[in-house]
Amino acid sequence: MEFIYLIAAGIAVLTGLGAGIGIGIATGRTSEAVARQPEASGKIMTTFFLGIALAEATAIYGFVVAILVIVKQAS
């Protein structure tokens, strides 16, 4: 029954996969947007960095949950 904690931790770490895919898609679309409208690059980049921060936050939350699950299992 102790392996359930490891499975839960593994699933929690998978949030990093989703964040990586999301950031990759956002980077590609941002490059396209700047190429089409270079004069709006400042506004585009601001929105881009905000989106990256939110996507990365979900990955960090998943990592923290995985660590908490493993610590809970160890105790």
C-alpha atoms as a PDB file:
ATOM      1  CA  MET A   1       0.000   0.000   0.000  1.00  0.00           C
ATOM      2  CA  GLU A   2       3.002   2.318   0.375  1.00  0.00           C
ATOM      3  CA  PHE A   3       3.517   2.464  -3.381  1.00  0.00           C
ATOM      4  CA  ILE A   4       0.348   4.575  -3.690  1.00  0.00           C
ATOM      5  CA  TYR A   5       2.336   7.553  -2.380  1.00  0.00           C
ATOM      6  CA  LEU A   6       4.911   7.127  -5.119  1.00  0.00           C
ATOM      7  CA  ILE A   7       2.232   6.949  -7.789  1.00  0.00           C
ATOM      8  CA  ALA A   8       0.619  10.110  -6.378  1.00  0.00           C
ATOM      9  CA  ALA A   9       3.977  11.897  -6.385  1.00  0.00           C
ATOM     10  CA  GLY A  10       4.602  10.830  -9.979  1.00  0.00           C
ATOM     11  CA  ILE A  11       1.232  12.130 -11.100  1.00  0.00           C
ATOM     12  CA  ALA A  12       1.845  15.431  -9.288  1.00  0.00           C
ATOM     13  CA  VAL A  13       5.179  15.874 -11.050  1.00  0.00           C
ATOM     14  CA  LEU A  14       3.453  15.457 -14.433  1.00  0.00           C
ATOM     15  CA  THR A  15       2.198  19.035 -14.068  1.00  0.00           C
ATOM     16  CA  GLY A  16       5.657  20.023 -15.269  1.00  0.00           C
ATOM     17  CA  LEU A  17       4.960  18.278 -18.571  1.00  0.00           C
ATOM     18  CA  GLY A  18       1.834  20.341 -19.131  1.00  0.00           C
ATOM     19  CA  ALA A  19       3.635  23.544 -18.225  1.00  0.00           C
ATOM     20  CA  GLY A  20       6.466  22.738 -20.623  1.00  0.00           C
ATOM     21  CA  ILE A  21       4.078  22.110 -23.492  1.00  0.00           C
ATOM     22  CA  GLY A  22       2.158  25.288 -22.701  1.00  0.00           C
ATOM     23  CA  ILE A  23       5.291  27.424 -22.541  1.00  0.00           C
ATOM     24  CA  GLY A  24       6.531  25.950 -25.820  1.00  0.00           C
ATOM     25  CA  ILE A  25       3.282  26.767 -27.590  1.00  0.00           C
ATOM     26  CA  ALA A  26       3.234  30.262 -26.089  1.00  0.00           C
ATOM     27  CA  THR A  27       6.809  30.906 -27.211  1.00  0.00           C
ATOM     28  CA  GLY A  28       6.013  29.891 -30.768  1.00  0.00           C
ATOM     29  CA  ARG A  29       2.915  32.045 -30.929  1.00  0.00           C
ATOM     30  CA  THR A  30       4.745  34.989 -29.392  1.00  0.00           C
ATOM     31  CA  SER A  31       7.458  34.734 -32.041  1.00  0.00           C
ATOM     32  CA  GLU A  32       4.798  34.749 -34.747  1.00  0.00           C
ATOM     33  CA  ALA A  33       3.043  37.746 -33.201  1.00  0.00           C
ATOM     34  CA  VAL A  34       6.236  39.793 -32.933  1.00  0.00           C
ATOM     35  CA  ALA A  35       7.163  38.894 -36.507  1.00  0.00           C
ATOM     36  CA  ARG A  36       3.772  40.127 -37.736  1.00  0.00           C
ATOM     37  CA  GLN A  37       3.608  43.287 -35.604  1.00  0.00           C
ATOM     38  CA  PRO A  38       7.066  44.348 -34.424  1.00  0.00           C
ATOM     39  CA  GLU A  39       5.715  47.683 -33.169  1.00  0.00           C
ATOM     40  CA  ALA A  40       3.584  45.851 -30.579  1.00  0.00           C
ATOM     41  CA  SER A  41       6.436  43.696 -29.283  1.00  0.00           C
ATOM     42  CA  GLY A  42       6.519  45.387 -25.860  1.00  0.00           C
ATOM     43  CA  LYS A  43       2.864  44.679 -25.162  1.00  0.00           C
ATOM     44  CA  ILE A  44       3.136  41.151 -26.580  1.00  0.00           C
ATOM     45  CA  MET A  45       6.178  40.324 -24.456  1.00  0.00           C
ATOM     46  CA  THR A  46       4.506  41.620 -21.286  1.00  0.00           C
ATOM     47  CA  THR A  47       1.545  39.324 -21.837  1.00  0.00           C
ATOM     48  CA  PHE A  48       3.899  36.487 -22.751  1.00  0.00           C
ATOM     49  CA  PHE A  49       5.888  36.765 -19.523  1.00  0.00           C
ATOM     50  CA  LEU A  50       2.701  36.887 -17.472  1.00  0.00           C
ATOM     51  CA  GLY A  51       1.489  33.706 -19.152  1.00  0.00           C
ATOM     52  CA  ILE A  52       4.820  31.960 -18.606  1.00  0.00           C
ATOM     53  CA  ALA A  53       4.770  32.877 -14.926  1.00  0.00           C
ATOM     54  CA  LEU A  54       1.296  31.399 -14.492  1.00  0.00           C
ATOM     55  CA  ALA A  55       2.210  28.219 -16.376  1.00  0.00           C
ATOM     56  CA  GLU A  56       5.401  27.786 -14.387  1.00  0.00           C
ATOM     57  CA  ALA A  57       3.493  28.329 -11.146  1.00  0.00           C
ATOM     58  CA  THR A  58       1.374  25.266 -11.860  1.00  0.00           C
ATOM     59  CA  ALA A  59       4.529  23.207 -12.377  1.00  0.00           C
ATOM     60  CA  ILE A  60       5.979  24.467  -9.105  1.00  0.00           C
ATOM     61  CA  TYR A  61       2.741  23.647  -7.273  1.00  0.00           C
ATOM     62  CA  GLY A  62       2.856  20.113  -8.637  1.00  0.00           C
ATOM     63  CA  PHE A  63       6.477  19.731  -7.579  1.00  0.00           C
ATOM     64  CA  VAL A  64       5.693  20.961  -4.061  1.00  0.00           C
ATOM     65  CA  VAL A  65       2.746  18.563  -3.808  1.00  0.00           C
ATOM     66  CA  ALA A  66       4.996  15.689  -4.913  1.00  0.00           C
ATOM     67  CA  ILE A  67       7.561  16.572  -2.256  1.00  0.00           C
ATOM     68  CA  LEU A  68       4.841  16.810   0.409  1.00  0.00           C
ATOM     69  CA  VAL A  69       3.465  13.410  -0.595  1.00  0.00           C
ATOM     70  CA  ILE A  70       6.913  11.816  -0.387  1.00  0.00           C
ATOM     71  CA  VAL A  71       7.628  13.444   2.988  1.00  0.00           C
ATOM     72  CA  LYS A  72       4.243  12.284   4.274  1.00  0.00           C
ATOM     73  CA  GLN A  73       5.027   8.739   3.146  1.00  0.00           C
ATOM     74  CA  ALA A  74       8.427   8.802   4.866  1.00  0.00           C
ATOM     75  CA  SER A  75       6.938   9.814   8.212  1.00  0.00           C
END
